[in-house]
Amino acid sequence: MPKILLVEDNEMNRDMLSRRLQRKGYSVVTAEDGEKGLLLARSEMPDLILMEHKPSADGRLGSNSSPQG
């Protein structure tokens, strides 16, 4: 069964999409932010990662806030 990591900060959206994917036969692992998503990506080795956050300049899954300068 393909495993999907879903990174979504909105709990209702995360729950809704997770249930829909599970009904389609996917195994779903969820994270509520990029840092937890990064840890799960390394430990769970998902087949696909769905996220709204963009990776930071160093390639890590980070927040979408702009750097302070």
C-alpha atoms as a PDB file:
ATOM      1  CA  MET A   1       0.000   0.000   0.000  1.00  0.00           C
ATOM      2  CA  PRO A   2       1.535   3.382  -0.987  1.00  0.00           C
ATOM      3  CA  LYS A   3       2.360   5.644   1.952  1.00  0.00           C
ATOM      4  CA  ILE A   4       1.656   9.397   1.826  1.00  0.00           C
ATOM      5  CA  LEU A   5       2.997  11.990   4.234  1.00  0.00           C
ATOM      6  CA  LEU A   6       0.505  14.847   4.508  1.00  0.00           C
ATOM      7  CA  VAL A   7       1.914  18.080   5.979  1.00  0.00           C
ATOM      8  CA  GLU A   8      -0.927  20.510   6.706  1.00  0.00           C
ATOM      9  CA  ASP A   9      -1.262  23.049   9.506  1.00  0.00           C
ATOM     10  CA  ASN A  10      -5.051  23.306   9.332  1.00  0.00           C
ATOM     11  CA  GLU A  11      -6.466  20.452  11.421  1.00  0.00           C
ATOM     12  CA  MET A  12      -9.798  20.249   9.555  1.00  0.00           C
ATOM     13  CA  ASN A  13      -8.086  20.137   6.158  1.00  0.00           C
ATOM     14  CA  ARG A  14      -5.556  17.578   7.408  1.00  0.00           C
ATOM     15  CA  ASP A  15      -8.300  15.338   8.786  1.00  0.00           C
ATOM     16  CA  MET A  16     -10.532  15.615   5.708  1.00  0.00           C
ATOM     17  CA  LEU A  17      -7.776  14.893   3.194  1.00  0.00           C
ATOM     18  CA  SER A  18      -6.321  12.113   5.308  1.00  0.00           C
ATOM     19  CA  ARG A  19      -9.689  10.322   5.471  1.00  0.00           C
ATOM     20  CA  ARG A  20     -10.244  10.719   1.719  1.00  0.00           C
ATOM     21  CA  LEU A  21      -6.824   9.297   0.914  1.00  0.00           C
ATOM     22  CA  GLN A  22      -7.337   6.371   3.305  1.00  0.00           C
ATOM     23  CA  ARG A  23     -10.667   5.548   1.632  1.00  0.00           C
ATOM     24  CA  LYS A  24      -8.769   5.405  -1.681  1.00  0.00           C
ATOM     25  CA  GLY A  25      -6.430   2.790  -0.186  1.00  0.00           C
ATOM     26  CA  TYR A  26      -3.420   4.875   0.853  1.00  0.00           C
ATOM     27  CA  SER A  27      -1.584   4.649   4.133  1.00  0.00           C
ATOM     28  CA  VAL A  28      -1.422   8.224   5.467  1.00  0.00           C
ATOM     29  CA  VAL A  29       0.987   9.745   7.971  1.00  0.00           C
ATOM     30  CA  THR A  30       0.257  13.330   9.020  1.00  0.00           C
ATOM     31  CA  ALA A  31       2.254  16.252  10.377  1.00  0.00           C
ATOM     32  CA  GLU A  32       1.003  19.675  11.389  1.00  0.00           C
ATOM     33  CA  ASP A  33       4.146  21.606  10.443  1.00  0.00           C
ATOM     34  CA  GLY A  34       7.285  21.406   8.348  1.00  0.00           C
ATOM     35  CA  GLU A  35       9.637  20.463  11.176  1.00  0.00           C
ATOM     36  CA  LYS A  36       7.500  17.456  12.163  1.00  0.00           C
ATOM     37  CA  GLY A  37       7.063  16.662   8.484  1.00  0.00           C
ATOM     38  CA  LEU A  38      10.821  16.550   8.030  1.00  0.00           C
ATOM     39  CA  LEU A  39      11.230  14.131  10.937  1.00  0.00           C
ATOM     40  CA  LEU A  40       8.456  11.893   9.607  1.00  0.00           C
ATOM     41  CA  ALA A  41       9.846  12.021   6.069  1.00  0.00           C
ATOM     42  CA  ARG A  42      13.122  10.651   7.372  1.00  0.00           C
ATOM     43  CA  SER A  43      11.640   8.007   9.647  1.00  0.00           C
ATOM     44  CA  GLU A  44       8.601   6.857   7.644  1.00  0.00           C
ATOM     45  CA  MET A  45      10.109   7.007   4.127  1.00  0.00           C
ATOM     46  CA  PRO A  46       6.795   7.857   2.389  1.00  0.00           C
ATOM     47  CA  ASP A  47       6.233   7.277  -1.319  1.00  0.00           C
ATOM     48  CA  LEU A  48       4.789  10.783  -1.690  1.00  0.00           C
ATOM     49  CA  ILE A  49       4.801  13.981   0.379  1.00  0.00           C
ATOM     50  CA  LEU A  50       1.915  16.435   0.111  1.00  0.00           C
ATOM     51  CA  MET A  51       2.560  19.806   1.721  1.00  0.00           C
ATOM     52  CA  GLU A  52       1.745  23.468   1.449  1.00  0.00           C
ATOM     53  CA  HIS A  53       5.088  24.608   2.852  1.00  0.00           C
ATOM     54  CA  LYS A  54       7.978  25.289   0.531  1.00  0.00           C
ATOM     55  CA  PRO A  55      11.417  23.975   1.444  1.00  0.00           C
ATOM     56  CA  SER A  56      13.740  26.641   2.825  1.00  0.00           C
ATOM     57  CA  ALA A  57      16.903  27.730   1.026  1.00  0.00           C
ATOM     58  CA  ASP A  58      18.897  24.939   2.664  1.00  0.00           C
ATOM     59  CA  GLY A  59      16.420  22.308   1.426  1.00  0.00           C
ATOM     60  CA  ARG A  60      14.750  21.680   4.760  1.00  0.00           C
ATOM     61  CA  LEU A  61      10.996  21.790   5.182  1.00  0.00           C
ATOM     62  CA  GLY A  62      10.497  25.140   6.853  1.00  0.00           C
ATOM     63  CA  SER A  63       7.868  27.723   7.527  1.00  0.00           C
ATOM     64  CA  ASN A  64       6.593  29.966   4.779  1.00  0.00           C
ATOM     65  CA  SER A  65       7.468  33.123   6.719  1.00  0.00           C
ATOM     66  CA  SER A  66      10.081  35.454   5.284  1.00  0.00           C
ATOM     67  CA  PRO A  67      13.469  35.764   6.985  1.00  0.00           C
ATOM     68  CA  GLN A  68      14.145  38.739   9.227  1.00  0.00           C
ATOM     69  CA  GLY A  69      16.826  41.030   7.880  1.00  0.00           C
END
